[in-house]
Amino acid sequence: MQSQARPARILIVDDSAVMRALLRSVVGSDKRLEVAGTASDGASALRIVESVRPDLVLLDVEMPVMDGLHTLRQMKARGNRVPVIMCSGLTQRGAKVTIEALASGAADYVTKPSGQPSRDAAVHALAQDLVPKILALTAFATGSHEPAYPSAFPPAPLQSSAFPSAPPSAWPSNAGRGHSPSLPAASSSGSLFPSGPPPPLLHPQPVSGTPPAVLLIGVSTGGPAALDALLPALPATFPLPVLIVQHMPELFTKLLAERLNGRCPLRVTEASSGEPIRPGAIHIARGDWHMEVAATGSASSIPILRLTQEPPENHCRPAVDVLFRTGVAVYGARVLGVVLTGMGYDGLIGSRLIREHGGTILAQDQATSAVWGMPGAVAQAGLAHRVLPLNAIAPEILRLAGRGQREAFELRESAV
């Protein structure tokens, strides 16, 4: 008989008494959460975190005495593995520091509410964004198996002879373009549908014999740190264009691209509509805009990027499913899709389409994911050719992209 999950214990760190009270109200709005303590600066937080042993820390970006980024780095240096969600204002400085924090190991972030007509409205808006993230990041520690979102749709199998069989519980309801069924977000315990045991993972499958012509990456929670590890491992001679959907607001995606551009041999930019998709360039979808792959007419012409503000899919804009779906429409079997750490199930339907058209799918494993939601959904549905730890994904990409065996071998050795 399964023991009842205990509430997740949250430490709130913010120099503003008003914001601490707001966050306390958000935490108190859900019976699955409780406040473990509060602190008004980073130095106090470092002392308190050792005594109260929270399951998660809500950490302000800008504080006196010790700011959020310094506090996070101190926690990591001391071996504290408690997940941290950064609380940032939608300012240039706040977003830049948040990107640094995410690349330094923060699990996720929320933006502080602004322009709300009342305190109750601010609590409601923040709770909608924050509570599901807390539940996903603390599910393993608390033994919770409740979905972060209520499910209104029972799982239904997707019929396709192109895939190995998987139990019906591994499949969500089919979601067409522009339709966002209210499916549960996956928890860090690894199950897309938390009730019942997860379906067994399949053994590695033979990949497509067709060499890839484009690399498509979908990522969410924990993404900046994952991209910070993966993308610098792709050499300047990497032969494929790289298109990435990272769930983030517009200001954040621009700063993320700028930061990665300074760390990668390849050029990294925030996507622009109409830009040609050329080998050796990395494009990150602009926040609040879907990124599509579009053909330009003749078979010999270079595909281009197209940004749209069509309705969100899977509660997301940009959405991984949009990128994967339009990518496979143009490149067919020559798509290499990679699904990295993230909450929810965005990318699942797109991965199915890639597999149907003969492309290849890689998924990040549970042990190295901040939340094994997106990659877990793909893996448990039997769609991934390989389920790999983060530091083994770049070598596999190089191998599939036809890079030299020596370069791939050296990367594999460094991943051991």
Protein backbone atom coordinates (compact mmCIF):
# COMPACT_ATOMS: atom_id res chain seq x y z
CA MET A 1 0.00 0.00 0.00
CA GLN A 2 1.45 3.34 -1.02
CA SER A 3 2.20 5.83 1.75
CA GLN A 4 0.48 9.19 1.56
CA ALA A 5 2.61 11.98 0.15
CA ARG A 6 3.65 14.71 2.55
CA PRO A 7 3.45 18.40 1.66
CA ALA A 8 6.44 19.89 -0.15
CA ARG A 9 8.34 22.26 2.16
CA ILE A 10 9.26 25.57 0.53
CA LEU A 11 11.85 28.14 1.64
CA ILE A 12 10.98 31.68 0.46
CA VAL A 13 13.92 34.09 -0.06
CA ASP A 14 13.14 37.69 -1.04
CA ASP A 15 14.19 41.06 0.36
CA SER A 16 10.70 42.51 -0.19
CA ALA A 17 8.26 41.86 2.66
CA VAL A 18 5.41 42.37 0.21
CA MET A 19 6.79 39.74 -2.16
CA ARG A 20 7.47 37.30 0.70
CA ALA A 21 3.86 37.67 1.80
CA LEU A 22 2.64 37.17 -1.78
CA LEU A 23 4.72 34.01 -2.18
CA ARG A 24 3.53 32.75 1.18
CA SER A 25 -0.07 33.17 -0.03
CA VAL A 26 0.75 31.28 -3.24
CA VAL A 27 2.30 28.39 -1.32
CA GLY A 28 -0.62 28.39 1.12
CA SER A 29 -3.11 28.19 -1.74
CA ASP A 30 -2.30 24.50 -2.36
CA LYS A 31 -2.63 21.81 0.33
CA ARG A 32 0.30 19.93 -1.21
CA LEU A 33 2.67 22.75 -0.25
CA GLU A 34 3.77 24.38 3.00
CA VAL A 35 6.18 27.17 3.94
CA ALA A 36 9.32 25.82 5.63
CA GLY A 37 10.77 29.27 6.33
CA THR A 38 11.56 32.71 4.94
CA ALA A 39 14.71 34.80 4.51
CA SER A 40 15.27 38.39 3.39
CA ASP A 41 18.73 37.93 1.80
CA GLY A 42 21.02 35.24 0.45
CA ALA A 43 23.34 35.08 3.43
CA SER A 44 20.42 34.35 5.75
CA ALA A 45 19.07 31.82 3.28
CA LEU A 46 22.33 29.85 3.31
CA ARG A 47 22.07 29.50 7.08
CA ILE A 48 18.36 28.67 7.10
CA VAL A 49 18.52 26.10 4.29
CA GLU A 50 20.84 23.93 6.37
CA SER A 51 18.50 23.93 9.36
CA VAL A 52 15.04 23.63 7.78
CA ARG A 53 16.02 21.26 4.91
CA PRO A 54 13.40 22.48 2.41
CA ASP A 55 12.32 20.49 -0.65
CA LEU A 56 12.60 23.59 -2.83
CA VAL A 57 13.83 27.19 -2.60
CA LEU A 58 12.10 30.20 -4.15
CA LEU A 59 14.98 32.61 -4.66
CA ASP A 60 14.78 36.31 -5.55
CA VAL A 61 17.25 37.49 -8.19
CA GLU A 62 18.11 40.93 -6.78
CA MET A 63 18.74 41.26 -3.03
CA PRO A 64 21.09 43.15 -0.72
CA VAL A 65 23.93 41.45 1.23
CA MET A 66 24.01 38.49 -1.19
CA ASP A 67 22.04 38.36 -4.44
CA GLY A 68 20.25 35.34 -5.85
CA LEU A 69 22.95 34.28 -8.32
CA HIS A 70 25.70 34.34 -5.66
CA THR A 71 23.43 32.49 -3.23
CA LEU A 72 22.70 29.79 -5.83
CA ARG A 73 26.39 29.31 -6.59
CA GLN A 74 27.17 29.07 -2.89
CA MET A 75 24.49 26.41 -2.47
CA LYS A 76 25.90 24.38 -5.35
CA ALA A 77 29.46 24.78 -4.05
CA ARG A 78 28.34 23.37 -0.70
CA GLY A 79 26.80 20.35 -2.40
CA ASN A 80 23.20 21.37 -1.74
CA ARG A 81 21.08 19.73 -4.44
CA VAL A 82 17.69 21.19 -3.44
CA PRO A 83 15.89 22.51 -6.55
CA VAL A 84 15.78 26.30 -6.88
CA ILE A 85 13.22 28.41 -8.73
CA MET A 86 14.39 31.96 -9.43
CA CYS A 87 11.90 34.83 -9.02
CA SER A 88 12.67 37.59 -11.50
CA GLY A 89 11.23 40.87 -12.65
CA LEU A 90 10.67 41.36 -16.39
CA THR A 91 13.61 43.77 -16.67
CA GLN A 92 16.76 43.55 -18.78
CA ARG A 93 18.96 43.13 -15.73
CA GLY A 94 16.61 40.71 -14.00
CA ALA A 95 16.34 38.54 -17.12
CA LYS A 96 20.10 38.52 -17.68
CA VAL A 97 20.85 37.41 -14.12
CA THR A 98 18.08 34.80 -14.35
CA ILE A 99 19.66 33.32 -17.49
CA GLU A 100 22.99 33.09 -15.65
CA ALA A 101 21.26 31.43 -12.70
CA LEU A 102 19.51 28.89 -14.92
CA ALA A 103 22.79 28.06 -16.65
CA SER A 104 24.38 27.72 -13.19
CA GLY A 105 21.91 25.08 -12.05
CA ALA A 106 18.64 26.75 -11.07
CA ALA A 107 15.82 24.40 -12.05
CA ASP A 108 13.35 27.01 -13.30
CA TYR A 109 12.13 30.58 -12.87
CA VAL A 110 8.96 32.64 -12.59
CA THR A 111 8.44 36.29 -13.39
CA LYS A 112 7.02 38.45 -10.65
CA PRO A 113 3.45 39.62 -11.30
CA SER A 114 2.97 43.16 -12.53
CA GLY A 115 -0.03 45.19 -13.62
CA GLN A 116 -2.53 43.03 -11.74
CA PRO A 117 -5.70 44.85 -10.61
CA SER A 118 -5.57 43.45 -7.06
CA ARG A 119 -3.50 41.39 -4.67
CA ASP A 120 -5.83 38.42 -5.12
CA ALA A 121 -5.36 38.64 -8.88
CA ALA A 122 -1.59 38.73 -8.45
CA VAL A 123 -1.68 35.65 -6.17
CA HIS A 124 -3.86 33.79 -8.67
CA ALA A 125 -1.68 34.67 -11.67
CA LEU A 126 1.53 33.72 -9.88
CA ALA A 127 0.04 30.50 -8.49
CA GLN A 128 -0.99 29.34 -11.96
CA ASP A 129 2.61 29.60 -13.13
CA LEU A 130 4.46 28.61 -9.96
CA VAL A 131 2.49 25.80 -8.29
CA PRO A 132 2.76 23.29 -11.18
CA LYS A 133 6.52 23.90 -11.34
CA ILE A 134 6.93 23.33 -7.60
CA LEU A 135 4.87 20.13 -7.73
CA ALA A 136 6.85 18.75 -10.66
CA LEU A 137 10.22 19.56 -9.09
CA THR A 138 9.34 18.17 -5.65
CA ALA A 139 7.28 15.10 -6.63
CA PHE A 140 10.11 12.63 -6.11
CA ALA A 141 11.17 14.09 -2.74
CA THR A 142 7.63 14.11 -1.34
CA GLY A 143 6.43 10.84 -2.85
CA SER A 144 3.66 12.66 -4.71
CA HIS A 145 2.05 11.01 -7.72
CA GLU A 146 -0.69 13.59 -8.26
CA PRO A 147 -0.67 15.44 -11.59
CA ALA A 148 0.25 19.11 -11.50
CA TYR A 149 -2.68 19.75 -13.85
CA PRO A 150 -6.05 17.96 -13.68
CA SER A 151 -6.66 15.68 -16.63
CA ALA A 152 -9.93 15.99 -18.51
CA PHE A 153 -8.91 13.48 -21.18
CA PRO A 154 -8.20 9.77 -20.64
CA PRO A 155 -5.11 8.45 -22.42
CA ALA A 156 -5.79 6.96 -25.83
CA PRO A 157 -3.43 4.92 -28.02
CA LEU A 158 -2.02 6.46 -31.17
CA GLN A 159 -2.42 4.00 -34.02
CA SER A 160 0.65 3.60 -36.20
CA SER A 161 2.34 0.49 -37.47
CA ALA A 162 5.58 2.47 -37.70
CA PHE A 163 6.16 2.22 -33.94
CA PRO A 164 6.88 -0.61 -31.53
CA SER A 165 3.84 -1.32 -29.40
CA ALA A 166 3.49 0.56 -26.14
CA PRO A 167 0.81 0.30 -23.47
CA PRO A 168 -2.17 2.62 -23.95
CA SER A 169 -1.29 4.40 -20.70
CA ALA A 170 1.85 5.72 -22.39
CA TRP A 171 -0.11 7.73 -24.94
CA PRO A 172 -1.96 11.02 -24.42
CA SER A 173 -5.00 12.01 -26.39
CA ASN A 174 -4.12 13.05 -29.92
CA ALA A 175 -3.77 16.81 -30.10
CA GLY A 176 -4.21 18.48 -33.43
CA ARG A 177 -2.86 21.82 -34.43
CA GLY A 178 -4.03 24.62 -32.17
CA HIS A 179 -5.67 22.21 -29.73
CA SER A 180 -4.37 21.95 -26.18
CA PRO A 181 -5.95 19.15 -24.15
CA SER A 182 -5.63 19.53 -20.41
CA LEU A 183 -3.31 16.63 -19.82
CA PRO A 184 -1.27 16.26 -16.66
CA ALA A 185 2.23 17.61 -16.55
CA ALA A 186 4.78 14.92 -15.91
CA SER A 187 6.43 14.73 -12.53
CA SER A 188 10.13 14.24 -11.83
CA SER A 189 9.29 10.70 -10.77
CA GLY A 190 9.15 10.00 -14.48
CA SER A 191 5.55 9.21 -15.36
CA LEU A 192 3.45 11.26 -17.76
CA PHE A 193 0.33 9.82 -16.18
CA PRO A 194 1.31 9.62 -12.50
CA SER A 195 -1.29 7.05 -11.40
CA GLY A 196 -0.18 3.44 -11.77
CA PRO A 197 3.22 2.05 -12.71
CA PRO A 198 4.98 3.57 -15.73
CA PRO A 199 5.14 1.46 -18.86
CA PRO A 200 8.46 -0.29 -19.46
CA LEU A 201 11.07 1.51 -21.52
CA LEU A 202 11.96 -0.20 -24.76
CA HIS A 203 15.46 -1.29 -25.73
CA PRO A 204 17.46 0.98 -28.08
CA GLN A 205 16.09 0.78 -31.62
CA PRO A 206 17.86 0.94 -34.97
CA VAL A 207 18.00 4.53 -36.18
CA SER A 208 17.03 5.72 -39.63
CA GLY A 209 19.50 4.90 -42.37
CA THR A 210 18.86 8.32 -43.90
CA PRO A 211 21.48 10.87 -42.75
CA PRO A 212 19.93 13.89 -41.02
CA ALA A 213 19.78 17.28 -42.70
CA VAL A 214 18.53 19.27 -39.68
CA LEU A 215 18.75 19.03 -35.88
CA LEU A 216 15.58 20.03 -33.98
CA ILE A 217 15.73 20.39 -30.18
CA GLY A 218 12.86 20.82 -27.72
CA VAL A 219 13.51 21.75 -24.09
CA SER A 220 11.83 23.44 -21.14
CA THR A 221 12.46 23.20 -17.38
CA GLY A 222 16.22 22.91 -16.77
CA GLY A 223 16.86 23.82 -20.40
CA PRO A 224 19.45 26.62 -20.13
CA ALA A 225 21.81 24.40 -18.13
CA ALA A 226 21.23 21.49 -20.53
CA LEU A 227 21.87 23.67 -23.58
CA ASP A 228 24.91 25.16 -21.86
CA ALA A 229 26.35 21.62 -21.65
CA LEU A 230 25.21 20.33 -25.05
CA LEU A 231 25.70 23.10 -27.59
CA PRO A 232 29.37 24.00 -26.86
CA ALA A 233 30.20 20.34 -27.67
CA LEU A 234 29.11 20.85 -31.30
CA PRO A 235 32.23 21.91 -33.26
CA ALA A 236 32.50 24.83 -35.67
CA THR A 237 32.43 22.32 -38.54
CA PHE A 238 29.09 20.80 -37.46
CA PRO A 239 27.24 20.18 -40.75
CA LEU A 240 23.59 20.67 -39.77
CA PRO A 241 21.38 23.67 -38.97
CA VAL A 242 20.15 23.56 -35.36
CA LEU A 243 16.68 24.84 -34.42
CA ILE A 244 15.70 25.04 -30.74
CA VAL A 245 12.46 25.66 -28.90
CA GLN A 246 13.09 26.61 -25.26
CA HIS A 247 9.97 27.63 -23.31
CA MET A 248 10.74 31.22 -22.24
CA PRO A 249 9.42 34.78 -22.59
CA GLU A 250 10.74 36.95 -25.41
CA LEU A 251 13.29 38.99 -23.46
CA PHE A 252 14.76 35.83 -21.95
CA THR A 253 15.23 33.97 -25.26
CA LYS A 254 17.23 36.85 -26.72
CA LEU A 255 19.55 36.93 -23.72
CA LEU A 256 19.86 33.13 -23.72
CA ALA A 257 20.93 33.21 -27.37
CA GLU A 258 23.47 35.93 -26.66
CA ARG A 259 24.95 34.00 -23.74
CA LEU A 260 25.21 30.75 -25.69
CA ASN A 261 26.73 32.57 -28.65
CA GLY A 262 29.65 33.53 -26.42
CA ARG A 263 30.18 29.90 -25.39
CA CYS A 264 29.64 27.94 -28.60
CA PRO A 265 31.85 27.39 -31.65
CA LEU A 266 28.70 27.77 -33.77
CA ARG A 267 26.85 31.07 -34.12
CA VAL A 268 23.76 31.24 -31.91
CA THR A 269 20.97 33.75 -32.56
CA GLU A 270 17.36 34.36 -31.63
CA ALA A 271 15.27 33.36 -34.64
CA SER A 272 14.07 35.95 -37.15
CA SER A 273 11.21 35.34 -39.55
CA GLY A 274 12.34 34.78 -43.15
CA GLU A 275 15.88 33.83 -42.18
CA PRO A 276 17.39 31.02 -44.31
CA ILE A 277 18.08 27.76 -42.48
CA ARG A 278 21.77 27.16 -43.20
CA PRO A 279 24.14 24.46 -41.92
CA GLY A 280 26.25 25.31 -38.88
CA ALA A 281 23.90 27.95 -37.45
CA ILE A 282 21.86 27.66 -34.24
CA HIS A 283 18.51 29.46 -33.99
CA ILE A 284 16.52 29.72 -30.74
CA ALA A 285 12.79 30.40 -31.06
CA ARG A 286 11.71 33.85 -29.90
CA GLY A 287 9.61 33.85 -26.76
CA ASP A 288 5.83 34.07 -27.35
CA TRP A 289 6.28 33.16 -31.06
CA HIS A 290 5.99 29.73 -32.65
CA MET A 291 8.98 28.87 -34.85
CA GLU A 292 8.12 27.01 -38.06
CA VAL A 293 10.20 25.53 -40.86
CA ALA A 294 8.91 26.69 -44.25
CA ALA A 295 9.73 25.63 -47.80
CA THR A 296 10.33 28.44 -50.28
CA GLY A 297 9.04 26.89 -53.50
CA SER A 298 11.52 24.92 -55.56
CA ALA A 299 13.09 21.72 -54.27
CA SER A 300 16.58 23.21 -54.59
CA SER A 301 15.87 26.33 -52.52
CA ILE A 302 16.89 26.69 -48.87
CA PRO A 303 14.07 26.41 -46.28
CA ILE A 304 13.44 29.46 -44.12
CA LEU A 305 12.26 30.19 -40.59
CA ARG A 306 8.76 31.51 -40.08
CA LEU A 307 7.58 33.03 -36.78
CA THR A 308 3.87 33.07 -36.03
CA GLN A 309 1.54 33.86 -33.17
CA GLU A 310 -0.92 31.07 -33.82
CA PRO A 311 -2.65 29.83 -30.63
CA PRO A 312 -0.47 28.10 -28.00
CA GLU A 313 -0.14 24.32 -28.22
CA ASN A 314 0.30 22.20 -25.08
CA HIS A 315 -0.08 25.50 -23.17
CA CYS A 316 3.12 26.71 -24.89
CA ARG A 317 4.20 29.34 -27.38
CA PRO A 318 6.73 28.62 -28.79
CA ALA A 319 5.81 24.94 -28.88
CA VAL A 320 8.11 22.03 -29.66
CA ASP A 321 5.30 20.24 -31.50
CA VAL A 322 5.02 23.14 -33.98
CA LEU A 323 8.74 23.02 -34.75
CA PHE A 324 8.80 19.22 -35.09
CA ARG A 325 5.63 19.10 -37.20
CA THR A 326 6.74 21.77 -39.68
CA GLY A 327 10.30 20.45 -39.71
CA VAL A 328 9.22 16.99 -40.77
CA ALA A 329 6.88 18.48 -43.40
CA VAL A 330 9.92 20.02 -45.10
CA TYR A 331 12.78 17.61 -44.31
CA GLY A 332 10.87 14.30 -44.02
CA ALA A 333 13.07 11.42 -42.89
CA ARG A 334 16.10 13.71 -42.62
CA VAL A 335 15.05 15.13 -39.23
CA LEU A 336 17.05 14.39 -36.08
CA GLY A 337 14.84 15.37 -33.12
CA VAL A 338 16.15 15.71 -29.58
CA VAL A 339 13.86 16.10 -26.55
CA LEU A 340 15.62 17.40 -23.44
CA THR A 341 14.56 18.07 -19.85
CA GLY A 342 11.21 19.76 -19.32
CA MET A 343 7.86 19.67 -17.60
CA GLY A 344 4.76 18.53 -19.47
CA TYR A 345 4.49 16.68 -22.76
CA ASP A 346 5.25 19.23 -25.51
CA GLY A 347 7.12 17.45 -28.31
CA LEU A 348 5.35 14.11 -27.90
CA ILE A 349 3.03 14.50 -30.90
CA GLY A 350 5.85 15.99 -32.98
CA SER A 351 8.14 13.08 -32.09
CA ARG A 352 5.45 10.70 -33.27
CA LEU A 353 5.35 12.50 -36.64
CA ILE A 354 9.14 12.38 -36.98
CA ARG A 355 9.07 8.64 -36.35
CA GLU A 356 6.21 8.12 -38.82
CA HIS A 357 8.27 9.84 -41.52
CA GLY A 358 11.41 7.80 -40.82
CA GLY A 359 13.38 10.36 -38.79
CA THR A 360 15.36 9.80 -35.59
CA ILE A 361 14.50 10.75 -31.99
CA LEU A 362 16.85 11.04 -29.00
CA ALA A 363 15.58 11.70 -25.46
CA GLN A 364 17.42 12.76 -22.32
CA ASP A 365 17.34 10.22 -19.51
CA GLN A 366 15.62 10.66 -16.15
CA ALA A 367 18.77 10.79 -14.03
CA THR A 368 20.15 13.91 -15.76
CA SER A 369 16.83 15.73 -16.34
CA ALA A 370 15.62 18.48 -14.00
CA VAL A 371 12.11 17.15 -14.72
CA TRP A 372 11.59 13.99 -16.79
CA GLY A 373 8.33 15.17 -18.29
CA MET A 374 8.88 15.93 -21.98
CA PRO A 375 11.65 13.37 -22.57
CA GLY A 376 9.92 10.86 -20.30
CA ALA A 377 6.70 11.12 -22.30
CA VAL A 378 8.60 10.42 -25.52
CA ALA A 379 10.63 7.57 -24.01
CA GLN A 380 7.67 5.87 -22.34
CA ALA A 381 5.69 6.06 -25.58
CA GLY A 382 8.41 4.05 -27.30
CA LEU A 383 9.31 6.86 -29.69
CA ALA A 384 12.97 7.40 -28.72
CA HIS A 385 15.65 5.50 -30.60
CA ARG A 386 18.02 6.28 -27.74
CA VAL A 387 17.44 7.47 -24.15
CA LEU A 388 20.76 8.99 -23.07
CA PRO A 389 22.36 10.95 -20.24
CA LEU A 390 22.93 14.58 -21.16
CA ASN A 391 26.69 14.24 -21.64
CA ALA A 392 26.22 11.36 -24.11
CA ILE A 393 23.81 13.22 -26.41
CA ALA A 394 26.39 15.38 -28.24
CA PRO A 395 28.54 12.33 -29.17
CA GLU A 396 25.45 10.57 -30.51
CA ILE A 397 24.43 13.66 -32.49
CA LEU A 398 27.92 13.82 -34.01
CA ARG A 399 27.80 10.15 -34.89
CA LEU A 400 24.43 10.47 -36.56
CA ALA A 401 25.46 13.66 -38.35
CA GLY A 402 28.40 11.80 -39.87
CA ARG A 403 31.19 13.45 -37.95
CA GLY A 404 34.62 11.82 -37.79
CA GLN A 405 34.88 8.80 -35.52
CA ARG A 406 37.85 10.25 -33.70
CA GLU A 407 35.95 13.40 -32.66
CA ALA A 408 32.94 11.40 -31.55
CA PHE A 409 35.17 8.95 -29.66
CA GLU A 410 36.89 11.78 -27.78
CA LEU A 411 33.53 13.21 -26.74
CA ARG A 412 32.31 9.76 -25.66
CA GLU A 413 35.43 9.33 -23.52
CA SER A 414 34.83 12.68 -21.82
CA ALA A 415 31.23 11.64 -21.11
CA VAL A 416 32.27 8.56 -19.11
